PDB file of N, CA and C in Angstrom:
ATOM      1  N   MET A   1      35.348 110.288  61.674  1.00  0.00           N
ATOM      2  CA  MET A   1      36.331 109.242  61.583  1.00  0.00           C
ATOM      3  C   MET A   1      35.632 107.901  61.808  1.00  0.00           C
ATOM      4  N   THR A   2      35.602 107.050  60.812  1.00  0.00           N
ATOM      5  CA  THR A   2      34.992 105.736  60.921  1.00  0.00           C
ATOM      6  C   THR A   2      36.064 104.716  61.258  1.00  0.00           C
ATOM      7  N   GLN A   3      35.798 103.944  62.304  1.00  0.00           N
ATOM      8  CA  GLN A   3      36.725 102.903  62.713  1.00  0.00           C
ATOM      9  C   GLN A   3      35.908 101.723  63.231  1.00  0.00           C
ATOM     10  N   TYR A   4      36.434 100.524  63.067  1.00  0.00           N
ATOM     11  CA  TYR A   4      35.728  99.322  63.470  1.00  0.00           C
ATOM     12  C   TYR A   4      36.559  98.520  64.468  1.00  0.00           C
ATOM     13  N   PHE A   5      35.868  97.944  65.456  1.00  0.00           N
ATOM     14  CA  PHE A   5      36.463  97.024  66.416  1.00  0.00           C
ATOM     15  C   PHE A   5      35.941  95.645  66.039  1.00  0.00           C
ATOM     16  N   ILE A   6      36.838  94.698  65.854  1.00  0.00           N
ATOM     17  CA  ILE A   6      36.468  93.389  65.333  1.00  0.00           C
ATOM     18  C   ILE A   6      36.935  92.305  66.304  1.00  0.00           C
ATOM     19  N   LEU A   7      36.001  91.495  66.751  1.00  0.00           N
ATOM     20  CA  LEU A   7      36.347  90.298  67.509  1.00  0.00           C
ATOM     21  C   LEU A   7      36.461  89.152  66.513  1.00  0.00           C
ATOM     22  N   TRP A   8      37.506  88.362  66.625  1.00  0.00           N
ATOM     23  CA  TRP A   8      37.666  87.246  65.700  1.00  0.00           C
ATOM     24  C   TRP A   8      37.903  85.950  66.477  1.00  0.00           C
ATOM     25  N   GLU A   9      37.527  84.848  65.837  1.00  0.00           N
ATOM     26  CA  GLU A   9      37.720  83.530  66.439  1.00  0.00           C
ATOM     27  C   GLU A   9      37.968  82.510  65.333  1.00  0.00           C
ATOM     28  N   ILE A  10      38.959  81.664  65.557  1.00  0.00           N
ATOM     29  CA  ILE A  10      39.257  80.598  64.604  1.00  0.00           C
ATOM     30  C   ILE A  10      38.040  79.682  64.496  1.00  0.00           C
ATOM     31  N   ASN A  11      37.698  79.300  63.286  1.00  0.00           N
ATOM     32  CA  ASN A  11      36.591  78.377  63.058  1.00  0.00           C
ATOM     33  C   ASN A  11      37.096  76.970  63.389  1.00  0.00           C
ATOM     34  N   SER A  12      36.742  76.501  64.564  1.00  0.00           N
ATOM     35  CA  SER A  12      37.253  75.213  65.042  1.00  0.00           C
ATOM     36  C   SER A  12      36.573  74.018  64.382  1.00  0.00           C
ATOM     37  N   SER A  13      35.555  74.250  63.575  1.00  0.00           N
ATOM     38  CA  SER A  13      34.895  73.135  62.896  1.00  0.00           C
ATOM     39  C   SER A  13      35.675  72.671  61.663  1.00  0.00           C
ATOM     40  N   ILE A  14      36.688  73.426  61.275  1.00  0.00           N
ATOM     41  CA  ILE A  14      37.519  73.029  60.138  1.00  0.00           C
ATOM     42  C   ILE A  14      38.743  72.296  60.687  1.00  0.00           C
ATOM     43  N   PRO A  15      38.862  71.007  60.402  1.00  0.00           N
ATOM     44  CA  PRO A  15      40.001  70.262  60.942  1.00  0.00           C
ATOM     45  C   PRO A  15      41.305  70.672  60.246  1.00  0.00           C
ATOM     46  N   PRO A  16      42.411  70.558  60.961  1.00  0.00           N
ATOM     47  CA  PRO A  16      43.697  70.859  60.328  1.00  0.00           C
ATOM     48  C   PRO A  16      44.024  69.806  59.266  1.00  0.00           C
ATOM     49  N   PRO A  17      44.848  70.151  58.311  1.00  0.00           N
ATOM     50  CA  PRO A  17      45.240  69.151  57.307  1.00  0.00           C
ATOM     51  C   PRO A  17      45.958  67.978  57.982  1.00  0.00           C
ATOM     52  N   GLU A  18      45.798  66.806  57.410  1.00  0.00           N
ATOM     53  CA  GLU A  18      46.463  65.630  57.974  1.00  0.00           C
ATOM     54  C   GLU A  18      47.971  65.709  57.807  1.00  0.00           C
ATOM     55  N   ASP A  19      48.415  66.320  56.733  1.00  0.00           N
ATOM     56  CA  ASP A  19      49.854  66.451  56.459  1.00  0.00           C
ATOM     57  C   ASP A  19      50.382  67.687  57.194  1.00  0.00           C
ATOM     58  N   PRO A  20      51.308  67.518  58.139  1.00  0.00           N
ATOM     59  CA  PRO A  20      51.855  68.665  58.885  1.00  0.00           C
ATOM     60  C   PRO A  20      52.497  69.723  57.981  1.00  0.00           C
ATOM     61  N   THR A  21      53.016  69.283  56.844  1.00  0.00           N
ATOM     62  CA  THR A  21      53.617  70.241  55.904  1.00  0.00           C
ATOM     63  C   THR A  21      52.560  71.197  55.363  1.00  0.00           C
ATOM     64  N   ARG A  22      51.379  70.665  55.072  1.00  0.00           N
ATOM     65  CA  ARG A  22      50.282  71.517  54.584  1.00  0.00           C
ATOM     66  C   ARG A  22      49.835  72.493  55.662  1.00  0.00           C
ATOM     67  N   GLU A  23      49.842  72.058  56.920  1.00  0.00           N
ATOM     68  CA  GLU A  23      49.475  72.950  58.023  1.00  0.00           C
ATOM     69  C   GLU A  23      50.475  74.098  58.133  1.00  0.00           C
ATOM     70  N   ILE A  24      51.746  73.800  57.971  1.00  0.00           N
ATOM     71  CA  ILE A  24      52.774  74.846  58.003  1.00  0.00           C
ATOM     72  C   ILE A  24      52.571  75.804  56.841  1.00  0.00           C
ATOM     73  N   GLN A  25      52.292  75.273  55.656  1.00  0.00           N
ATOM     74  CA  GLN A  25      52.064  76.125  54.488  1.00  0.00           C
ATOM     75  C   GLN A  25      50.847  77.028  54.694  1.00  0.00           C
ATOM     76  N   ARG A  26      49.797  76.481  55.261  1.00  0.00           N
ATOM     77  CA  ARG A  26      48.597  77.278  55.517  1.00  0.00           C
ATOM     78  C   ARG A  26      48.897  78.380  56.534  1.00  0.00           C
ATOM     79  N   THR A  27      49.621  78.050  57.582  1.00  0.00           N
ATOM     80  CA  THR A  27      49.982  79.045  58.596  1.00  0.00           C
ATOM     81  C   THR A  27      50.872  80.130  57.992  1.00  0.00           C
ATOM     82  N   GLU A  28      51.818  79.735  57.135  1.00  0.00           N
ATOM     83  CA  GLU A  28      52.660  80.731  56.447  1.00  0.00           C
ATOM     84  C   GLU A  28      51.812  81.639  55.556  1.00  0.00           C
ATOM     85  N   GLY A  29      50.805  81.067  54.903  1.00  0.00           N
ATOM     86  CA  GLY A  29      49.890  81.872  54.085  1.00  0.00           C
ATOM     87  C   GLY A  29      49.105  82.861  54.925  1.00  0.00           C
ATOM     88  N   PHE A  30      48.624  82.413  56.092  1.00  0.00           N
ATOM     89  CA  PHE A  30      47.905  83.311  56.999  1.00  0.00           C
ATOM     90  C   PHE A  30      48.816  84.448  57.457  1.00  0.00           C
ATOM     91  N   LEU A  31      50.057  84.131  57.766  1.00  0.00           N
ATOM     92  CA  LEU A  31      51.010  85.156  58.207  1.00  0.00           C
ATOM     93  C   LEU A  31      51.250  86.180  57.098  1.00  0.00           C
ATOM     94  N   ALA A  32      51.421  85.717  55.881  1.00  0.00           N
ATOM     95  CA  ALA A  32      51.626  86.630  54.746  1.00  0.00           C
ATOM     96  C   ALA A  32      50.399  87.511  54.531  1.00  0.00           C
ATOM     97  N   LEU A  33      49.215  86.924  54.615  1.00  0.00           N
ATOM     98  CA  LEU A  33      47.977  87.699  54.451  1.00  0.00           C
ATOM     99  C   LEU A  33      47.865  88.752  55.540  1.00  0.00           C
ATOM    100  N   MET A  34      48.149  88.370  56.779  1.00  0.00           N
ATOM    101  CA  MET A  34      48.059  89.317  57.893  1.00  0.00           C
ATOM    102  C   MET A  34      49.048  90.465  57.710  1.00  0.00           C
ATOM    103  N   ARG A  35      50.266  90.153  57.347  1.00  0.00           N
ATOM    104  CA  ARG A  35      51.267  91.217  57.125  1.00  0.00           C
ATOM    105  C   ARG A  35      50.819  92.167  56.025  1.00  0.00           C
ATOM    106  N   HIS A  36      50.262  91.609  54.954  1.00  0.00           N
ATOM    107  CA  HIS A  36      49.772  92.446  53.856  1.00  0.00           C
ATOM    108  C   HIS A  36      48.635  93.350  54.335  1.00  0.00           C
ATOM    109  N   GLN A  37      47.690  92.787  55.074  1.00  0.00           N
ATOM    110  CA  GLN A  37      46.548  93.588  55.521  1.00  0.00           C
ATOM    111  C   GLN A  37      46.965  94.668  56.511  1.00  0.00           C
ATOM    112  N   LEU A  38      47.975  94.423  57.302  1.00  0.00           N
ATOM    113  CA  LEU A  38      48.435  95.435  58.257  1.00  0.00           C
ATOM    114  C   LEU A  38      49.217  96.551  57.572  1.00  0.00           C
ATOM    115  N   THR A  39      49.910  96.244  56.481  1.00  0.00           N
ATOM    116  CA  THR A  39      50.701  97.288  55.808  1.00  0.00           C
ATOM    117  C   THR A  39      49.922  97.982  54.697  1.00  0.00           C
ATOM    118  N   ASP A  40      49.156  97.230  53.905  1.00  0.00           N
ATOM    119  CA  ASP A  40      48.476  97.798  52.740  1.00  0.00           C
ATOM    120  C   ASP A  40      46.964  97.889  52.876  1.00  0.00           C
ATOM    121  N   GLY A  41      46.404  97.193  53.838  1.00  0.00           N
ATOM    122  CA  GLY A  41      44.953  97.118  53.956  1.00  0.00           C
ATOM    123  C   GLY A  41      44.386  98.104  54.944  1.00  0.00           C
ATOM    124  N   SER A  42      43.184  97.804  55.392  1.00  0.00           N
ATOM    125  CA  SER A  42      42.495  98.727  56.284  1.00  0.00           C
ATOM    126  C   SER A  42      42.669  98.364  57.760  1.00  0.00           C
ATOM    127  N   LEU A  43      43.439  97.317  58.063  1.00  0.00           N
ATOM    128  CA  LEU A  43      43.641  96.936  59.455  1.00  0.00           C
ATOM    129  C   LEU A  43      44.820  97.685  60.071  1.00  0.00           C
ATOM    130  N   LYS A  44      44.593  98.188  61.276  1.00  0.00           N
ATOM    131  CA  LYS A  44      45.620  98.939  62.005  1.00  0.00           C
ATOM    132  C   LYS A  44      46.337  98.044  63.014  1.00  0.00           C
ATOM    133  N   GLU A  45      45.556  97.226  63.721  1.00  0.00           N
ATOM    134  CA  GLU A  45      46.097  96.343  64.748  1.00  0.00           C
ATOM    135  C   GLU A  45      45.355  95.023  64.716  1.00  0.00           C
ATOM    136  N   VAL A  46      46.062  93.959  65.039  1.00  0.00           N
ATOM    137  CA  VAL A  46      45.437  92.658  65.243  1.00  0.00           C
ATOM    138  C   VAL A  46      46.149  92.017  66.427  1.00  0.00           C
ATOM    139  N   HIS A  47      45.371  91.526  67.383  1.00  0.00           N
ATOM    140  CA  HIS A  47      45.925  90.908  68.585  1.00  0.00           C
ATOM    141  C   HIS A  47      45.223  89.586  68.842  1.00  0.00           C
ATOM    142  N   GLU A  48      45.951  88.655  69.452  1.00  0.00           N
ATOM    143  CA  GLU A  48      45.365  87.382  69.857  1.00  0.00           C
ATOM    144  C   GLU A  48      45.326  87.334  71.376  1.00  0.00           C
ATOM    145  N   PHE A  49      44.220  86.842  71.926  1.00  0.00           N
ATOM    146  CA  PHE A  49      44.119  86.682  73.365  1.00  0.00           C
ATOM    147  C   PHE A  49      45.064  85.573  73.808  1.00  0.00           C
ATOM    148  N   LEU A  50      45.530  85.633  75.036  1.00  0.00           N
ATOM    149  CA  LEU A  50      46.483  84.660  75.545  1.00  0.00           C
ATOM    150  C   LEU A  50      45.970  83.233  75.491  1.00  0.00           C
ATOM    151  N   GLU A  51      44.646  83.051  75.580  1.00  0.00           N
ATOM    152  CA  GLU A  51      44.076  81.708  75.518  1.00  0.00           C
ATOM    153  C   GLU A  51      44.259  81.084  74.139  1.00  0.00           C
ATOM    154  N   GLY A  52      44.502  81.913  73.133  1.00  0.00           N
ATOM    155  CA  GLY A  52      44.700  81.428  71.769  1.00  0.00           C
ATOM    156  C   GLY A  52      43.393  81.188  71.036  1.00  0.00           C
ATOM    157  N   GLY A  53      43.477  81.239  69.715  1.00  0.00           N
ATOM    158  CA  GLY A  53      42.330  80.922  68.882  1.00  0.00           C
ATOM    159  C   GLY A  53      41.320  82.025  68.691  1.00  0.00           C
ATOM    160  N   ARG A  54      41.493  83.133  69.379  1.00  0.00           N
ATOM    161  CA  ARG A  54      40.586  84.270  69.215  1.00  0.00           C
ATOM    162  C   ARG A  54      41.294  85.538  69.672  1.00  0.00           C
ATOM    163  N   GLY A  55      40.741  86.672  69.246  1.00  0.00           N
ATOM    164  CA  GLY A  55      41.357  87.953  69.588  1.00  0.00           C
ATOM    165  C   GLY A  55      40.543  89.102  69.037  1.00  0.00           C
ATOM    166  N   TYR A  56      41.238  90.202  68.749  1.00  0.00           N
ATOM    167  CA  TYR A  56      40.539  91.378  68.224  1.00  0.00           C
ATOM    168  C   TYR A  56      41.408  92.099  67.223  1.00  0.00           C
ATOM    169  N   ALA A  57      40.754  92.934  66.424  1.00  0.00           N
ATOM    170  CA  ALA A  57      41.431  93.773  65.437  1.00  0.00           C
ATOM    171  C   ALA A  57      40.785  95.150  65.468  1.00  0.00           C
ATOM    172  N   ILE A  58      41.544  96.131  65.072  1.00  0.00           N
ATOM    173  CA  ILE A  58      41.053  97.500  64.950  1.00  0.00           C
ATOM    174  C   ILE A  58      41.438  97.986  63.556  1.00  0.00           C
ATOM    175  N   THR A  59      40.473  98.582  62.866  1.00  0.00           N
ATOM    176  CA  THR A  59      40.762  99.076  61.523  1.00  0.00           C
ATOM    177  C   THR A  59      41.465 100.429  61.587  1.00  0.00           C
ATOM    178  N   LYS A  60      42.056 100.786  60.474  1.00  0.00           N
ATOM    179  CA  LYS A  60      42.606 102.129  60.340  1.00  0.00           C
ATOM    180  C   LYS A  60      41.448 103.114  60.307  1.00  0.00           C
ATOM    181  N   GLU A  61      41.730 104.367  60.615  1.00  0.00           N
ATOM    182  CA  GLU A  61      40.692 105.394  60.583  1.00  0.00           C
ATOM    183  C   GLU A  61      40.169 105.554  59.167  1.00  0.00           C
ATOM    184  N   ASN A  62      38.893 105.844  59.076  1.00  0.00           N
ATOM    185  CA  ASN A  62      38.197 106.071  57.808  1.00  0.00           C
ATOM    186  C   ASN A  62      38.131 104.836  56.925  1.00  0.00           C
ATOM    187  N   ALA A  63      38.148 103.658  57.532  1.00  0.00           N
ATOM    188  CA  ALA A  63      37.946 102.429  56.768  1.00  0.00           C
ATOM    189  C   ALA A  63      36.493 102.379  56.315  1.00  0.00           C
ATOM    190  N   THR A  64      36.272 102.009  55.087  1.00  0.00           N
ATOM    191  CA  THR A  64      34.904 101.890  54.586  1.00  0.00           C
ATOM    192  C   THR A  64      34.371 100.497  54.889  1.00  0.00           C
ATOM    193  N   GLU A  65      33.061 100.367  54.863  1.00  0.00           N
ATOM    194  CA  GLU A  65      32.444  99.058  55.072  1.00  0.00           C
ATOM    195  C   GLU A  65      32.946  98.063  54.033  1.00  0.00           C
ATOM    196  N   GLU A  66      33.084  98.535  52.801  1.00  0.00           N
ATOM    197  CA  GLU A  66      33.537  97.656  51.722  1.00  0.00           C
ATOM    198  C   GLU A  66      34.966  97.175  51.970  1.00  0.00           C
ATOM    199  N   GLN A  67      35.845  98.069  52.450  1.00  0.00           N
ATOM    200  CA  GLN A  67      37.220  97.674  52.745  1.00  0.00           C
ATOM    201  C   GLN A  67      37.265  96.633  53.853  1.00  0.00           C
ATOM    202  N   VAL A  68      36.508  96.877  54.911  1.00  0.00           N
ATOM    203  CA  VAL A  68      36.482  95.939  56.034  1.00  0.00           C
ATOM    204  C   VAL A  68      35.932  94.592  55.572  1.00  0.00           C
ATOM    205  N   PHE A  69      34.865  94.621  54.796  1.00  0.00           N
ATOM    206  CA  PHE A  69      34.282  93.386  54.274  1.00  0.00           C
ATOM    207  C   PHE A  69      35.318  92.602  53.467  1.00  0.00           C
ATOM    208  N   ALA A  70      36.038  93.295  52.591  1.00  0.00           N
ATOM    209  CA  ALA A  70      37.039  92.627  51.752  1.00  0.00           C
ATOM    210  C   ALA A  70      38.171  92.038  52.594  1.00  0.00           C
ATOM    211  N   GLU A  71      38.627  92.790  53.585  1.00  0.00           N
ATOM    212  CA  GLU A  71      39.711  92.299  54.443  1.00  0.00           C
ATOM    213  C   GLU A  71      39.281  91.035  55.179  1.00  0.00           C
ATOM    214  N   LEU A  72      38.055  91.026  55.700  1.00  0.00           N
ATOM    215  CA  LEU A  72      37.591  89.890  56.483  1.00  0.00           C
ATOM    216  C   LEU A  72      37.205  88.703  55.594  1.00  0.00           C
ATOM    217  N   ALA A  73      36.688  88.977  54.410  1.00  0.00           N
ATOM    218  CA  ALA A  73      36.296  87.897  53.497  1.00  0.00           C
ATOM    219  C   ALA A  73      37.492  87.040  53.103  1.00  0.00           C
ATOM    220  N   ALA A  74      38.666  87.621  53.099  1.00  0.00           N
ATOM    221  CA  ALA A  74      39.871  86.876  52.737  1.00  0.00           C
ATOM    222  C   ALA A  74      40.157  85.739  53.722  1.00  0.00           C
ATOM    223  N   TRP A  75      39.595  85.821  54.920  1.00  0.00           N
ATOM    224  CA  TRP A  75      39.843  84.809  55.955  1.00  0.00           C
ATOM    225  C   TRP A  75      38.788  83.706  55.982  1.00  0.00           C
ATOM    226  N   SER A  76      37.755  83.857  55.189  1.00  0.00           N
ATOM    227  CA  SER A  76      36.670  82.883  55.177  1.00  0.00           C
ATOM    228  C   SER A  76      37.141  81.587  54.527  1.00  0.00           C
ATOM    229  N   PRO A  77      36.795  80.467  55.026  1.00  0.00           N
ATOM    230  CA  PRO A  77      35.933  80.138  56.155  1.00  0.00           C
ATOM    231  C   PRO A  77      36.707  79.863  57.448  1.00  0.00           C
ATOM    232  N   TYR A  78      37.976  80.206  57.485  1.00  0.00           N
ATOM    233  CA  TYR A  78      38.850  79.812  58.587  1.00  0.00           C
ATOM    234  C   TYR A  78      38.655  80.614  59.868  1.00  0.00           C
ATOM    235  N   VAL A  79      38.144  81.846  59.731  1.00  0.00           N
ATOM    236  CA  VAL A  79      37.982  82.726  60.887  1.00  0.00           C
ATOM    237  C   VAL A  79      36.579  83.331  60.839  1.00  0.00           C
ATOM    238  N   GLU A  80      35.948  83.430  62.014  1.00  0.00           N
ATOM    239  CA  GLU A  80      34.629  84.060  62.131  1.00  0.00           C
ATOM    240  C   GLU A  80      34.783  85.394  62.847  1.00  0.00           C
ATOM    241  N   PHE A  81      33.932  86.366  62.496  1.00  0.00           N
ATOM    242  CA  PHE A  81      34.084  87.727  62.989  1.00  0.00           C
ATOM    243  C   PHE A  81      32.803  88.284  63.588  1.00  0.00           C
ATOM    244  N   GLU A  82      32.980  89.203  64.508  1.00  0.00           N
ATOM    245  CA  GLU A  82      31.902  90.028  65.051  1.00  0.00           C
ATOM    246  C   GLU A  82      32.420  91.465  64.922  1.00  0.00           C
ATOM    247  N   VAL A  83      31.754  92.276  64.108  1.00  0.00           N
ATOM    248  CA  VAL A  83      32.245  93.616  63.766  1.00  0.00           C
ATOM    249  C   VAL A  83      31.388  94.684  64.424  1.00  0.00           C
ATOM    250  N   HIS A  84      32.056  95.684  65.009  1.00  0.00           N
ATOM    251  CA  HIS A  84      31.367  96.793  65.666  1.00  0.00           C
ATOM    252  C   HIS A  84      31.935  98.115  65.153  1.00  0.00           C
ATOM    253  N   ARG A  85      31.064  98.956  64.626  1.00  0.00           N
ATOM    254  CA  ARG A  85      31.472 100.304  64.230  1.00  0.00           C
ATOM    255  C   ARG A  85      31.594 101.124  65.503  1.00  0.00           C
ATOM    256  N   THR A  86      32.609 101.948  65.606  1.00  0.00           N
ATOM    257  CA  THR A  86      32.856 102.683  66.841  1.00  0.00           C
ATOM    258  C   THR A  86      32.749 104.189  66.649  1.00  0.00           C
ATOM    259  N   VAL A  87      32.585 104.870  67.779  1.00  0.00           N
ATOM    260  CA  VAL A  87      32.598 106.329  67.837  1.00  0.00           C
ATOM    261  C   VAL A  87      33.726 106.697  68.801  1.00  0.00           C
ATOM    262  N   PRO A  88      34.627 107.600  68.414  1.00  0.00           N
ATOM    263  CA  PRO A  88      35.694 107.992  69.339  1.00  0.00           C
ATOM    264  C   PRO A  88      35.097 108.502  70.647  1.00  0.00           C
ATOM    265  N   PHE A  89      35.687 108.129  71.765  1.00  0.00           N
ATOM    266  CA  PHE A  89      35.090 108.419  73.058  1.00  0.00           C
ATOM    267  C   PHE A  89      34.832 109.906  73.311  1.00  0.00           C
ATOM    268  N   PRO A  90      35.755 110.814  73.020  1.00  0.00           N
ATOM    269  CA  PRO A  90      35.404 112.227  73.248  1.00  0.00           C
ATOM    270  C   PRO A  90      34.165 112.648  72.459  1.00  0.00           C
ATOM    271  N   LYS A  91      34.036 112.159  71.218  1.00  0.00           N
ATOM    272  CA  LYS A  91      32.876 112.500  70.401  1.00  0.00           C
ATOM    273  C   LYS A  91      31.612 111.884  71.005  1.00  0.00           C
ATOM    274  N   ALA A  92      31.710 110.670  71.524  1.00  0.00           N
ATOM    275  CA  ALA A  92      30.557 110.018  72.148  1.00  0.00           C
ATOM    276  C   ALA A  92      30.069 110.831  73.344  1.00  0.00           C
ATOM    277  N   ILE A  93      30.979 111.356  74.149  1.00  0.00           N
ATOM    278  CA  ILE A  93      30.590 112.174  75.295  1.00  0.00           C
ATOM    279  C   ILE A  93      29.896 113.446  74.829  1.00  0.00           C
ATOM    280  N   GLU A  94      30.427 114.078  73.775  1.00  0.00           N
ATOM    281  CA  GLU A  94      29.804 115.290  73.239  1.00  0.00           C
ATOM    282  C   GLU A  94      28.373 115.003  72.773  1.00  0.00           C
ATOM    283  N   VAL A  95      28.182 113.889  72.078  1.00  0.00           N
ATOM    284  CA  VAL A  95      26.852 113.530  71.574  1.00  0.00           C
ATOM    285  C   VAL A  95      25.907 113.267  72.739  1.00  0.00           C
ATOM    286  N   LEU A  96      26.360 112.505  73.732  1.00  0.00           N
ATOM    287  CA  LEU A  96      25.514 112.213  74.890  1.00  0.00           C
ATOM    288  C   LEU A  96      25.143 113.483  75.648  1.00  0.00           C
ATOM    289  N   LEU A  97      26.073 114.395  75.791  1.00  0.00           N
ATOM    290  CA  LEU A  97      25.806 115.662  76.467  1.00  0.00           C
ATOM    291  C   LEU A  97      24.746 116.456  75.718  1.00  0.00           C
ATOM    292  N   GLU A  98      24.836 116.493  74.406  1.00  0.00           N
ATOM    293  CA  GLU A  98      23.843 117.222  73.607  1.00  0.00           C
ATOM    294  C   GLU A  98      22.465 116.566  73.729  1.00  0.00           C
ATOM    295  N   VAL A  99      22.417 115.247  73.746  1.00  0.00           N
ATOM    296  CA  VAL A  99      21.145 114.544  73.913  1.00  0.00           C
ATOM    297  C   VAL A  99      20.532 114.889  75.265  1.00  0.00           C
ATOM    298  N   GLN A 100      21.345 114.893  76.318  1.00  0.00           N
ATOM    299  CA  GLN A 100      20.839 115.238  77.648  1.00  0.00           C
ATOM    300  C   GLN A 100      20.298 116.658  77.682  1.00  0.00           C
ATOM    301  N   LYS A 101      20.971 117.576  77.030  1.00  0.00           N
ATOM    302  CA  LYS A 101      20.507 118.964  76.984  1.00  0.00           C
ATOM    303  C   LYS A 101      19.186 119.067  76.229  1.00  0.00           C
ATOM    304  N   GLN A 102      19.055 118.321  75.131  1.00  0.00           N
ATOM    305  CA  GLN A 102      17.806 118.335  74.373  1.00  0.00           C
ATOM    306  C   GLN A 102      16.659 117.769  75.210  1.00  0.00           C
ATOM    307  N   LYS A 103      16.914 116.701  75.953  1.00  0.00           N
ATOM    308  CA  LYS A 103      15.884 116.135  76.824  1.00  0.00           C
ATOM    309  C   LYS A 103      15.443 117.149  77.870  1.00  0.00           C
ATOM    310  N   LEU A 104      16.395 117.854  78.445  1.00  0.00           N
ATOM    311  CA  LEU A 104      16.068 118.854  79.456  1.00  0.00           C
ATOM    312  C   LEU A 104      15.216 119.963  78.847  1.00  0.00           C
ATOM    313  N   ARG A 105      15.571 120.429  77.654  1.00  0.00           N
ATOM    314  CA  ARG A 105      14.793 121.479  76.988  1.00  0.00           C
ATOM    315  C   ARG A 105      13.375 120.992  76.719  1.00  0.00           C
ATOM    316  N   MET A 106      13.235 119.745  76.291  1.00  0.00           N
ATOM    317  CA  MET A 106      11.904 119.201  76.012  1.00  0.00           C
ATOM    318  C   MET A 106      11.087 119.094  77.304  1.00  0.00           C
ATOM    319  N   MET A 107      11.715 118.669  78.383  1.00  0.00           N
ATOM    320  CA  MET A 107      11.012 118.550  79.658  1.00  0.00           C
ATOM    321  C   MET A 107      10.568 119.919  80.166  1.00  0.00           C
ATOM    322  N   GLN A 108      11.371 120.946  79.908  1.00  0.00           N
ATOM    323  CA  GLN A 108      11.035 122.295  80.370  1.00  0.00           C
ATOM    324  C   GLN A 108       9.893 122.881  79.558  1.00  0.00           C
ATOM    325  N   GLN A 109       9.683 122.392  78.341  1.00  0.00           N
ATOM    326  CA  GLN A 109       8.611 122.900  77.489  1.00  0.00           C
ATOM    327  C   GLN A 109       7.275 122.243  77.791  1.00  0.00           C
ATOM    328  N   VAL A 110       7.260 121.106  78.418  1.00  0.00           N
ATOM    329  CA  VAL A 110       6.021 120.382  78.698  1.00  0.00           C
ATOM    330  C   VAL A 110       5.345 121.049  79.905  1.00  0.00           C
ATOM    331  N   PRO A 111       4.061 121.493  79.739  1.00  0.00           N
ATOM    332  CA  PRO A 111       3.367 122.115  80.882  1.00  0.00           C
ATOM    333  C   PRO A 111       3.102 121.082  81.976  1.00  0.00           C
ATOM    334  N   ALA A 112       3.220 121.530  83.196  1.00  0.00           N
ATOM    335  CA  ALA A 112       3.008 120.630  84.344  1.00  0.00           C
ATOM    336  C   ALA A 112       1.554 120.470  84.675  1.00  0.00           C
TER     337      ALA A 112
END
C-alpha cells in the first residue's frame, strides 16, 4: 500500500491581488480545486494548522507518484510542498524485526 504524507505551506512571496474581488475569486477557485481533489483525486485528507498558512495532506492508498505530482502541480506556484512516502506502521515494525533477526544471524556466523 503506497501512501504519502505531505506538508504544505502557502507561498508567501506571492502578494495577494490588489482587488479584493479577485482575492475572493482566487480563494473560491482554491476551494473548488480542493473539493475536486478530495472527491476525485488521490488526496484523502487535507488539514490546516491552527496558525494558518500551512498544514498537511494524506493521499489515498495506492496513490502513484504521477498522481501525487499532478495533484500538487495544480497548486503551483501558490503552495509549496514537502512529500514523504510512508510505510504503514505495523509493516514497518515487521520489517525492522526481520532486519534485527538478520543482524543477529550474521553476528552469530562471524567467528570470535
